[in-house]
Amino acid sequence: MNTINRLLPLAAALVLAGCATALPPLPASVDTPAQFKEQGPAAQATDPAQWTIAPPAEAQSRGTWWKAFGDPVLDALIERSAVGNTDIQQAAARLAQARALLRGAQAERAPQIGAGASADRGAGANTANGSTPATLLQAGLNLSYEVDLFGRLARAQDAASLDAQSRQALLQSTRLLVQAEVAQTYLALRATDTERALMQDTANAYTDTLRLTQRRFEAGDVAELDVIRIQTEQAATEAEVIALERTRAELEHALAVLLGEPASGFALAPTATARTLPVIPPGVPATVLARRPDVAAAQASLLAAQARVGVAQAAWFPRVSLTGAAGFASPELGDLFQWSARSWGVGALLSLPLFDGGRRQAGVQNAQAEFDAVAAQYRGQVLNALREVEDQLSSLRLLHEQSLAQGRAVNAAQRASAISETRWRNGLVSQLELLDARRNELLNRRQAQRVEAARQQATVRLIRALGGGWGTGEPQRG
């Protein structure tokens, strides 16, 4: 009975500890719809199961989604960025740091063993020989181990493990971000090449018209004003070509930085090859959220913050440390390792905080506030992920409709320009009508090219919003 009575306070303390270290509940998850709104009525009527791309896994490969654009130059640039980009290198170093901290947290739960040796000589009241000087030589092993009664070390290890998972997901997110930025910058550069080629062709057409107008002026068929008008249009078009060359140079320099290379030694030859946009199935919202590395990183950070609340709470409770030492002690060096000189000792240390001026309470409050902040950040990350996908789906849908309408405008403008040029050469219309027709054609062709460039950019942004590629299920070219 006495034994039971002695154990009751300990049992009560353990129960109290279990209640006091209860972790804060995770926030309610964001409700996700069955389908993305911008998929349209036809997609919403489809069985959602067939839109599922892959099982949720933040560590899964994002695939080589950029190859769906069918551009070997883009493929090579992204491969180079994976090696040289400084943001990826920094994220990889942060991951290595987090893994080192995890190994440190794991080591805290293991016994600590050390070896030591000492030599002491002294005399006085605190020595065995009183005022006679004496020497004591010691050599041995020391062992210490903290008994994790209240889970403080376990939760610290869990938090470090979740931090490492978060850094792993952030590395994936950085890689995806860099890949998307390389693709967007490269596609913008190629769109500039296409627009520049269009402006150069227009400038060449104005040059041909100028030569014909000058011959007519020399023959007395037209006024000098007609020559000046054509010269004005030609010079303005050439100025646009130069402006596009400046834009291209800036994009080329930005691409070099993304690759981690000096801009002075980087160059891409101009080309105006058309590109086919990949067809991307967006998937169901819940799957998208599980695939996005930034959402996975936010979730791991949330769980780590929850574990750290438990670490802060455990600081209120006793710590029990076991120690042990074994070795030899002797006044003579020659007798140090004799069996008769052996020495040993074991001990246990119990430490319990009584008063610290509120330091531990402040630590718990700080950990709780950090948890609340990370929880709000996680919810915001989820909402933002859904918004980004909806934005790009709506952009692609509306840009497709705009592209069709703009295509009709280009066809009509080209037809009007061809008719005006024929009538002008036959002397049936004035030069002003021809110039107006050409300006209108150029305006519509440039607008069509810009719409196509916007579709390419929106496609890359959608891939990024969806969390990258899909392993063997890469986006198909349409």
Protein backbone atom coordinates (compact mmCIF):
# COMPACT_ATOMS: atom_id res chain seq x y z
CA MET A 1 0.00 0.00 0.00
CA ASN A 2 2.84 2.37 0.86
CA THR A 3 4.43 1.63 -2.48
CA ILE A 4 1.19 2.54 -4.26
CA ASN A 5 0.94 5.75 -2.29
CA ARG A 6 4.46 6.68 -3.29
CA LEU A 7 3.69 6.05 -6.96
CA LEU A 8 0.48 8.09 -7.04
CA PRO A 9 2.21 11.50 -7.29
CA LEU A 10 4.36 10.21 -10.15
CA ALA A 11 1.33 8.84 -12.00
CA ALA A 12 -0.50 12.11 -11.49
CA ALA A 13 2.49 14.02 -12.85
CA LEU A 14 2.60 11.83 -15.95
CA VAL A 15 -1.13 12.31 -16.58
CA LEU A 16 -0.75 16.04 -16.10
CA ALA A 17 2.17 16.09 -18.48
CA GLY A 18 0.21 14.24 -21.13
CA CYS A 19 -2.63 16.75 -20.86
CA ALA A 20 -0.38 19.78 -20.76
CA THR A 21 1.61 18.78 -23.86
CA ALA A 22 -1.44 18.21 -26.06
CA LEU A 23 -0.59 19.65 -29.48
CA PRO A 24 -2.78 22.37 -31.02
CA PRO A 25 -5.27 21.04 -33.58
CA LEU A 26 -4.53 21.54 -37.25
CA PRO A 27 -6.70 24.15 -38.99
CA ALA A 28 -9.66 23.09 -41.06
CA SER A 29 -8.65 22.29 -44.63
CA VAL A 30 -9.85 24.40 -47.53
CA ASP A 31 -12.91 22.94 -49.26
CA THR A 32 -12.06 22.19 -52.87
CA PRO A 33 -14.66 21.82 -55.64
CA ALA A 34 -15.06 18.68 -57.68
CA GLN A 35 -13.86 20.49 -60.83
CA PHE A 36 -12.16 23.71 -61.75
CA LYS A 37 -14.73 26.31 -62.75
CA GLU A 38 -12.80 27.36 -65.85
CA GLN A 39 -12.77 23.86 -67.28
CA GLY A 40 -16.16 24.67 -68.73
CA PRO A 41 -19.54 22.89 -68.69
CA ALA A 42 -18.30 19.99 -70.79
CA ALA A 43 -15.46 19.26 -68.42
CA GLN A 44 -17.65 19.69 -65.35
CA ALA A 45 -20.05 17.08 -66.70
CA THR A 46 -17.20 14.59 -67.12
CA ASP A 47 -16.47 11.99 -64.49
CA PRO A 48 -13.82 13.64 -62.23
CA ALA A 49 -11.96 10.36 -61.88
CA GLN A 50 -10.60 10.53 -65.41
CA TRP A 51 -9.05 13.93 -64.70
CA THR A 52 -6.84 12.57 -61.93
CA ILE A 53 -3.25 12.77 -63.14
CA ALA A 54 -1.17 10.99 -60.50
CA PRO A 55 -1.29 9.91 -56.86
CA PRO A 56 -0.50 12.78 -54.50
CA ALA A 57 3.20 12.89 -53.69
CA GLU A 58 5.21 16.04 -53.17
CA ALA A 59 8.48 14.20 -53.84
CA GLN A 60 7.43 12.69 -57.18
CA SER A 61 9.29 13.66 -60.33
CA ARG A 62 7.86 16.67 -62.13
CA GLY A 63 8.78 15.15 -65.48
CA THR A 64 10.28 16.80 -68.55
CA TRP A 65 7.15 18.81 -69.35
CA TRP A 66 9.05 21.37 -71.46
CA LYS A 67 9.74 18.72 -74.13
CA ALA A 68 6.07 18.95 -75.13
CA PHE A 69 6.97 22.22 -76.89
CA GLY A 70 9.16 20.24 -79.29
CA ASP A 71 12.13 22.64 -79.16
CA PRO A 72 15.59 21.07 -78.71
CA VAL A 73 17.11 24.46 -77.84
CA LEU A 74 14.65 24.90 -74.96
CA ASP A 75 15.43 21.36 -73.78
CA ALA A 76 19.15 22.13 -73.67
CA LEU A 77 18.66 25.45 -71.86
CA ILE A 78 16.60 23.90 -69.08
CA GLU A 79 19.16 21.15 -68.62
CA ARG A 80 21.87 23.80 -68.27
CA SER A 81 19.82 25.76 -65.75
CA ALA A 82 19.48 22.66 -63.55
CA VAL A 83 23.27 22.71 -63.11
CA GLY A 84 24.15 26.40 -63.06
CA ASN A 85 21.17 28.29 -61.62
CA THR A 86 22.10 29.96 -58.34
CA ASP A 87 18.59 29.76 -56.86
CA ILE A 88 18.61 25.98 -57.27
CA GLN A 89 22.08 25.80 -55.72
CA GLN A 90 20.91 27.86 -52.75
CA ALA A 91 17.81 25.71 -52.25
CA ALA A 92 19.96 22.55 -52.41
CA ALA A 93 22.29 23.99 -49.77
CA ARG A 94 19.32 24.81 -47.51
CA LEU A 95 18.13 21.22 -47.89
CA ALA A 96 21.57 19.92 -46.90
CA GLN A 97 21.49 22.22 -43.89
CA ALA A 98 18.05 20.96 -42.84
CA ARG A 99 19.21 17.35 -43.15
CA ALA A 100 22.26 18.13 -40.99
CA LEU A 101 19.99 19.62 -38.33
CA LEU A 102 17.86 16.47 -38.50
CA ARG A 103 20.91 14.32 -37.88
CA GLY A 104 21.76 16.57 -34.93
CA ALA A 105 18.26 16.11 -33.49
CA GLN A 106 18.55 12.35 -33.91
CA ALA A 107 21.90 12.39 -32.13
CA GLU A 108 20.30 14.09 -29.11
CA ARG A 109 18.30 10.91 -28.48
CA ALA A 110 21.35 8.64 -28.56
CA PRO A 111 23.77 7.99 -25.68
CA GLN A 112 26.79 10.28 -25.59
CA ILE A 113 30.13 8.53 -25.00
CA GLY A 114 33.44 10.27 -24.49
CA ALA A 115 36.98 9.52 -23.34
CA GLY A 116 39.09 11.67 -21.06
CA ALA A 117 42.30 11.80 -19.10
CA SER A 118 43.51 14.19 -16.40
CA ALA A 119 46.42 14.84 -14.06
CA ASP A 120 45.94 16.77 -10.82
CA ARG A 121 48.44 17.70 -8.11
CA GLY A 122 47.52 19.62 -5.00
CA ALA A 123 47.60 19.93 -1.25
CA GLY A 124 45.36 21.43 1.38
CA ALA A 125 42.15 20.80 3.21
CA ASN A 126 40.40 19.57 0.10
CA THR A 127 42.89 16.76 -0.53
CA ALA A 128 43.22 13.36 1.10
CA ASN A 129 46.80 13.96 2.25
CA GLY A 130 46.14 17.33 3.86
CA SER A 131 49.15 19.59 3.53
CA THR A 132 51.29 16.97 1.83
CA PRO A 133 51.32 17.45 -1.96
CA ALA A 134 49.82 14.56 -3.91
CA THR A 135 49.33 13.64 -7.59
CA LEU A 136 46.24 11.91 -9.03
CA LEU A 137 46.19 10.55 -12.57
CA GLN A 138 42.89 9.54 -14.17
CA ALA A 139 41.81 7.96 -17.47
CA GLY A 140 38.43 6.57 -18.44
CA LEU A 141 35.19 6.69 -20.41
CA ASN A 142 32.11 8.83 -19.73
CA LEU A 143 28.55 8.04 -20.76
CA SER A 144 25.44 10.21 -20.57
CA TYR A 145 21.88 9.64 -21.75
CA GLU A 146 18.74 11.74 -21.36
CA VAL A 147 15.58 9.74 -20.75
CA ASP A 148 12.89 11.26 -22.99
CA LEU A 149 9.98 10.77 -20.57
CA PHE A 150 7.80 13.56 -21.92
CA GLY A 151 8.62 13.39 -25.64
CA ARG A 152 10.64 16.60 -25.87
CA LEU A 153 13.48 15.06 -27.89
CA ALA A 154 11.10 13.00 -30.03
CA ARG A 155 9.10 16.06 -30.99
CA ALA A 156 12.24 18.04 -31.70
CA GLN A 157 13.32 15.25 -34.04
CA ASP A 158 9.88 15.21 -35.68
CA ALA A 159 10.07 18.97 -36.23
CA ALA A 160 13.55 18.68 -37.76
CA SER A 161 12.35 15.85 -40.01
CA LEU A 162 9.40 17.94 -41.20
CA ASP A 163 11.71 20.88 -41.80
CA ALA A 164 13.84 18.65 -44.03
CA GLN A 165 10.73 17.54 -45.90
CA SER A 166 9.75 21.18 -46.33
CA ARG A 167 13.18 22.02 -47.74
CA GLN A 168 12.95 19.05 -50.10
CA ALA A 169 9.62 20.35 -51.38
CA LEU A 170 11.02 23.88 -51.64
CA LEU A 171 13.90 22.54 -53.73
CA GLN A 172 11.35 20.94 -56.05
CA SER A 173 9.43 24.21 -56.11
CA THR A 174 12.58 26.18 -56.95
CA ARG A 175 13.46 23.80 -59.76
CA LEU A 176 9.95 24.12 -61.17
CA LEU A 177 10.08 27.90 -60.84
CA VAL A 178 13.43 28.11 -62.65
CA GLN A 179 12.25 25.74 -65.38
CA ALA A 180 9.14 27.86 -65.90
CA GLU A 181 11.12 31.10 -65.95
CA VAL A 182 13.60 29.69 -68.46
CA ALA A 183 10.74 28.50 -70.67
CA GLN A 184 8.85 31.80 -70.39
CA THR A 185 11.94 33.90 -71.10
CA TYR A 186 12.94 31.70 -74.03
CA LEU A 187 9.44 31.74 -75.52
CA ALA A 188 9.28 35.52 -75.08
CA LEU A 189 12.61 35.78 -76.91
CA ARG A 190 11.36 33.60 -79.76
CA ALA A 191 8.13 35.61 -79.92
CA THR A 192 10.29 38.73 -80.27
CA ASP A 193 12.18 37.00 -83.08
CA THR A 194 8.89 36.31 -84.84
CA GLU A 195 7.64 39.86 -84.40
CA ARG A 196 10.97 41.27 -85.53
CA ALA A 197 10.86 39.12 -88.66
CA LEU A 198 7.35 40.41 -89.34
CA MET A 199 8.46 44.04 -88.95
CA GLN A 200 11.53 43.44 -91.12
CA ASP A 201 9.37 41.96 -93.89
CA THR A 202 7.12 45.01 -93.66
CA ALA A 203 10.12 47.33 -93.81
CA ASN A 204 11.35 45.49 -96.91
CA ALA A 205 7.92 45.87 -98.51
CA TYR A 206 8.02 49.61 -97.81
CA THR A 207 11.50 49.74 -99.40
CA ASP A 208 10.15 48.17 -102.60
CA THR A 209 7.22 50.58 -102.61
CA LEU A 210 9.60 53.50 -102.03
CA ARG A 211 11.70 52.57 -105.07
CA LEU A 212 8.60 52.38 -107.26
CA THR A 213 7.30 55.68 -105.91
CA GLN A 214 10.63 57.40 -106.53
CA ARG A 215 10.63 56.23 -110.16
CA ARG A 216 7.13 57.57 -110.59
CA PHE A 217 8.15 60.86 -108.97
CA GLU A 218 11.12 61.14 -111.31
CA ALA A 219 8.76 60.50 -114.23
CA GLY A 220 6.41 63.19 -112.93
CA ASP A 221 3.52 60.82 -112.21
CA VAL A 222 3.28 61.47 -108.44
CA ALA A 223 4.04 64.34 -106.09
CA GLU A 224 7.03 64.55 -103.76
CA LEU A 225 4.62 64.23 -100.81
CA ASP A 226 3.97 60.62 -101.82
CA VAL A 227 7.70 59.84 -101.61
CA ILE A 228 7.97 61.48 -98.19
CA ARG A 229 4.99 59.47 -96.88
CA ILE A 230 6.61 56.20 -97.91
CA GLN A 231 9.95 57.25 -96.43
CA THR A 232 8.20 58.06 -93.16
CA GLU A 233 6.54 54.63 -92.99
CA GLN A 234 9.80 52.88 -93.85
CA ALA A 235 11.82 54.76 -91.22
CA ALA A 236 9.16 54.21 -88.54
CA THR A 237 9.11 50.48 -89.28
CA GLU A 238 12.90 50.25 -89.12
CA ALA A 239 12.78 52.02 -85.74
CA GLU A 240 10.36 49.34 -84.52
CA VAL A 241 12.80 46.66 -85.67
CA ILE A 242 15.59 48.27 -83.64
CA ALA A 243 13.34 48.51 -80.56
CA LEU A 244 12.57 44.80 -80.85
CA GLU A 245 16.29 44.05 -81.12
CA ARG A 246 16.80 45.91 -77.82
CA THR A 247 14.04 43.88 -76.18
CA ARG A 248 15.58 40.69 -77.51
CA ALA A 249 18.99 41.59 -76.10
CA GLU A 250 17.50 42.13 -72.63
CA LEU A 251 15.68 38.79 -72.77
CA GLU A 252 18.88 37.07 -73.87
CA HIS A 253 20.76 38.58 -70.91
CA ALA A 254 17.99 37.50 -68.50
CA LEU A 255 18.18 33.98 -69.89
CA ALA A 256 21.93 33.88 -69.25
CA VAL A 257 21.38 34.76 -65.57
CA LEU A 258 18.79 32.00 -65.24
CA LEU A 259 21.35 29.55 -66.58
CA GLY A 260 23.96 30.82 -64.12
CA GLU A 261 26.21 32.06 -66.93
CA PRO A 262 27.74 35.47 -67.71
CA ALA A 263 25.57 37.51 -70.06
CA SER A 264 28.70 38.65 -71.94
CA GLY A 265 29.41 35.14 -73.20
CA PHE A 266 25.86 33.96 -73.93
CA ALA A 267 24.08 34.22 -77.29
CA LEU A 268 21.21 32.56 -79.14
CA ALA A 269 20.81 32.72 -82.89
CA PRO A 270 17.51 34.32 -84.02
CA THR A 271 14.79 32.07 -85.38
CA ALA A 272 11.09 32.54 -86.07
CA THR A 273 9.93 28.92 -86.07
CA ALA A 274 6.29 28.37 -85.10
CA ARG A 275 5.56 26.24 -82.03
CA THR A 276 2.64 23.97 -81.26
CA LEU A 277 1.08 24.44 -77.87
CA PRO A 278 0.86 21.32 -75.66
CA VAL A 279 -2.53 20.08 -74.53
CA ILE A 280 -2.61 20.01 -70.72
CA PRO A 281 -5.32 18.21 -68.70
CA PRO A 282 -5.65 20.25 -65.50
CA GLY A 283 -6.79 17.50 -63.12
CA VAL A 284 -9.05 17.72 -60.09
CA PRO A 285 -8.31 20.44 -57.53
CA ALA A 286 -7.43 18.08 -54.64
CA THR A 287 -4.84 16.26 -56.76
CA VAL A 288 -3.33 19.53 -57.94
CA LEU A 289 -2.92 20.74 -54.37
CA ALA A 290 -1.16 17.52 -53.40
CA ARG A 291 1.24 17.77 -56.36
CA ARG A 292 2.32 21.38 -55.93
CA PRO A 293 5.68 21.45 -54.12
CA ASP A 294 5.02 24.86 -52.54
CA VAL A 295 1.80 23.58 -50.97
CA ALA A 296 3.61 20.46 -49.74
CA ALA A 297 6.34 22.67 -48.24
CA ALA A 298 3.75 24.81 -46.46
CA GLN A 299 2.07 21.70 -45.07
CA ALA A 300 5.36 20.29 -43.75
CA SER A 301 6.16 23.66 -42.16
CA LEU A 302 2.75 23.63 -40.48
CA LEU A 303 3.34 20.18 -38.97
CA ALA A 304 6.83 21.23 -37.87
CA ALA A 305 5.40 24.29 -36.11
CA GLN A 306 2.84 22.04 -34.40
CA ALA A 307 5.63 19.76 -33.15
CA ARG A 308 7.59 22.74 -31.81
CA VAL A 309 4.62 23.73 -29.68
CA GLY A 310 5.00 20.35 -27.99
CA VAL A 311 8.74 20.95 -27.54
CA ALA A 312 8.05 24.28 -25.85
CA GLN A 313 5.41 22.72 -23.60
CA ALA A 314 7.75 19.90 -22.58
CA ALA A 315 10.21 22.45 -21.19
CA TRP A 316 7.96 22.71 -18.10
CA PHE A 317 8.55 19.13 -17.04
CA PRO A 318 11.45 17.34 -15.38
CA ARG A 319 14.50 16.14 -17.27
CA VAL A 320 16.11 12.87 -16.23
CA SER A 321 19.70 12.25 -17.27
CA LEU A 322 21.67 9.08 -16.63
CA THR A 323 25.45 9.28 -16.35
CA GLY A 324 28.19 6.74 -15.96
CA ALA A 325 31.97 6.73 -15.79
CA ALA A 326 34.55 3.93 -15.71
CA GLY A 327 38.33 4.08 -15.76
CA PHE A 328 41.47 4.11 -13.68
CA ALA A 329 42.91 6.48 -11.07
CA SER A 330 46.37 6.29 -9.49
CA PRO A 331 49.04 8.60 -8.01
CA GLU A 332 51.70 6.84 -10.10
CA LEU A 333 51.73 6.74 -13.89
CA GLY A 334 53.13 3.20 -13.92
CA ASP A 335 50.25 1.92 -11.79
CA LEU A 336 47.50 3.81 -13.68
CA PHE A 337 46.18 0.83 -15.61
CA GLN A 338 46.51 -1.75 -12.85
CA TRP A 339 43.33 -3.58 -11.95
CA SER A 340 43.58 -2.30 -8.41
CA ALA A 341 43.46 1.30 -9.74
CA ARG A 342 40.07 0.86 -11.36
CA SER A 343 37.30 3.31 -10.60
CA TRP A 344 33.69 3.66 -11.66
CA GLY A 345 30.52 5.54 -10.90
CA VAL A 346 26.89 5.84 -12.04
CA GLY A 347 24.42 8.57 -11.41
CA ALA A 348 21.05 10.02 -12.27
CA LEU A 349 20.18 13.68 -12.44
CA LEU A 350 16.62 15.01 -12.14
CA SER A 351 16.09 18.69 -12.95
CA LEU A 352 12.73 20.41 -12.52
CA PRO A 353 12.10 24.09 -13.30
CA LEU A 354 10.50 26.00 -10.43
CA PHE A 355 10.78 29.67 -11.33
CA ASP A 356 12.26 31.27 -14.45
CA GLY A 357 10.56 34.64 -14.60
CA GLY A 358 8.13 33.54 -17.33
CA ARG A 359 10.75 32.43 -19.87
CA ARG A 360 9.17 29.03 -20.53
CA GLN A 361 5.67 30.48 -20.75
CA ALA A 362 6.95 33.00 -23.29
CA GLY A 363 8.48 30.13 -25.26
CA VAL A 364 5.12 28.31 -25.40
CA GLN A 365 3.34 31.49 -26.46
CA ASN A 366 5.94 32.14 -29.13
CA ALA A 367 5.61 28.60 -30.50
CA GLN A 368 1.80 28.86 -30.50
CA ALA A 369 1.91 32.21 -32.31
CA GLU A 370 4.31 30.76 -34.89
CA PHE A 371 1.95 27.83 -35.40
CA ASP A 372 -1.01 30.18 -35.95
CA ALA A 373 1.00 32.23 -38.45
CA VAL A 374 2.13 29.16 -40.40
CA ALA A 375 -1.45 27.81 -40.38
CA ALA A 376 -2.72 31.04 -41.94
CA GLN A 377 0.14 30.94 -44.45
CA TYR A 378 -0.72 27.36 -45.40
CA ARG A 379 -4.38 28.21 -45.97
CA GLY A 380 -3.37 31.22 -48.05
CA GLN A 381 -1.04 29.01 -50.11
CA VAL A 382 -3.87 26.61 -50.87
CA LEU A 383 -6.24 29.40 -51.89
CA ASN A 384 -3.57 31.00 -54.05
CA ALA A 385 -2.85 27.68 -55.76
CA LEU A 386 -6.49 27.29 -56.74
CA ARG A 387 -6.61 30.87 -57.98
CA GLU A 388 -3.49 30.45 -60.13
CA VAL A 389 -4.94 27.40 -61.89
CA GLU A 390 -8.28 29.12 -62.47
CA ASP A 391 -6.48 32.22 -63.80
CA GLN A 392 -4.50 30.29 -66.39
CA LEU A 393 -7.43 28.10 -67.42
CA SER A 394 -9.53 31.20 -68.06
CA SER A 395 -6.60 32.86 -69.87
CA LEU A 396 -6.13 29.90 -72.20
CA ARG A 397 -9.83 29.63 -72.92
CA LEU A 398 -10.26 33.33 -73.66
CA LEU A 399 -6.98 33.61 -75.56
CA HIS A 400 -8.06 30.74 -77.78
CA GLU A 401 -11.28 32.57 -78.62
CA GLN A 402 -9.33 35.78 -79.15
CA SER A 403 -6.90 33.95 -81.43
CA LEU A 404 -9.74 32.72 -83.64
CA ALA A 405 -11.25 36.18 -83.90
CA GLN A 406 -7.86 37.76 -84.55
CA GLY A 407 -7.15 35.20 -87.25
CA ARG A 408 -10.27 36.30 -89.09
CA ALA A 409 -9.17 39.90 -88.76
CA VAL A 410 -5.74 39.09 -90.20
CA ASN A 411 -7.24 37.30 -93.19
CA ALA A 412 -9.52 40.22 -93.94
CA ALA A 413 -6.71 42.75 -93.51
CA GLN A 414 -4.38 40.80 -95.82
CA ARG A 415 -7.08 40.61 -98.46
CA ALA A 416 -7.77 44.34 -98.18
CA SER A 417 -4.06 45.14 -98.42
CA ALA A 418 -3.60 42.98 -101.51
CA ILE A 419 -6.57 44.61 -103.25
CA SER A 420 -5.39 48.11 -102.33
CA GLU A 421 -1.89 47.45 -103.66
CA THR A 422 -3.27 46.14 -106.97
CA ARG A 423 -5.55 49.17 -107.35
CA TRP A 424 -2.70 51.55 -106.42
CA ARG A 425 -0.33 50.05 -108.97
CA ASN A 426 -3.07 50.51 -111.60
CA GLY A 427 -3.59 54.09 -110.49
CA LEU A 428 -7.13 53.53 -109.27
CA VAL A 429 -6.61 54.61 -105.63
CA SER A 430 -4.40 57.06 -103.82
CA GLN A 431 -1.28 56.19 -101.94
CA LEU A 432 -3.00 57.05 -98.64
CA GLU A 433 -5.46 54.18 -99.11
CA LEU A 434 -2.59 51.76 -99.71
CA LEU A 435 -0.72 52.95 -96.62
CA ASP A 436 -3.84 52.68 -94.48
CA ALA A 437 -4.42 49.12 -95.69
CA ARG A 438 -0.83 48.12 -94.95
CA ARG A 439 -0.89 49.71 -91.51
CA ASN A 440 -4.10 47.87 -90.70
CA GLU A 441 -2.63 44.54 -91.89
CA LEU A 442 0.56 45.05 -89.87
CA LEU A 443 -1.43 45.99 -86.77
CA ASN A 444 -3.58 42.87 -86.97
CA ARG A 445 -0.68 40.55 -87.75
CA ARG A 446 1.31 41.88 -84.78
CA GLN A 447 -1.71 41.53 -82.55
CA ALA A 448 -2.22 37.93 -83.70
CA GLN A 449 1.43 37.16 -82.97
CA ARG A 450 1.13 38.70 -79.50
CA VAL A 451 -1.98 36.67 -78.75
CA GLU A 452 -0.09 33.53 -79.72
CA ALA A 453 2.82 34.56 -77.47
CA ALA A 454 0.36 35.16 -74.62
CA ARG A 455 -1.04 31.64 -75.13
CA GLN A 456 2.47 30.19 -74.84
CA GLN A 457 3.11 32.13 -71.63
CA ALA A 458 -0.24 31.09 -70.17
CA THR A 459 0.52 27.45 -71.01
CA VAL A 460 3.78 27.56 -69.06
CA ARG A 461 2.09 29.33 -66.16
CA LEU A 462 -0.62 26.65 -66.09
CA ILE A 463 2.00 23.89 -65.99
CA ARG A 464 3.66 25.65 -63.10
CA ALA A 465 0.33 26.17 -61.31
CA LEU A 466 -0.42 22.46 -61.69
CA GLY A 467 2.89 21.50 -60.10
CA GLY A 468 4.87 20.57 -63.21
CA GLY A 469 4.76 17.54 -65.48
CA TRP A 470 3.28 14.11 -64.89
CA GLY A 471 6.10 11.58 -65.27
CA THR A 472 5.12 9.24 -68.10
CA GLY A 473 1.92 11.19 -68.71
CA GLU A 474 3.54 14.30 -70.20
CA PRO A 475 1.39 16.97 -71.86
CA GLN A 476 0.76 16.07 -75.46
CA ARG A 477 1.26 18.41 -78.35
CA GLY A 478 -1.96 19.34 -80.03
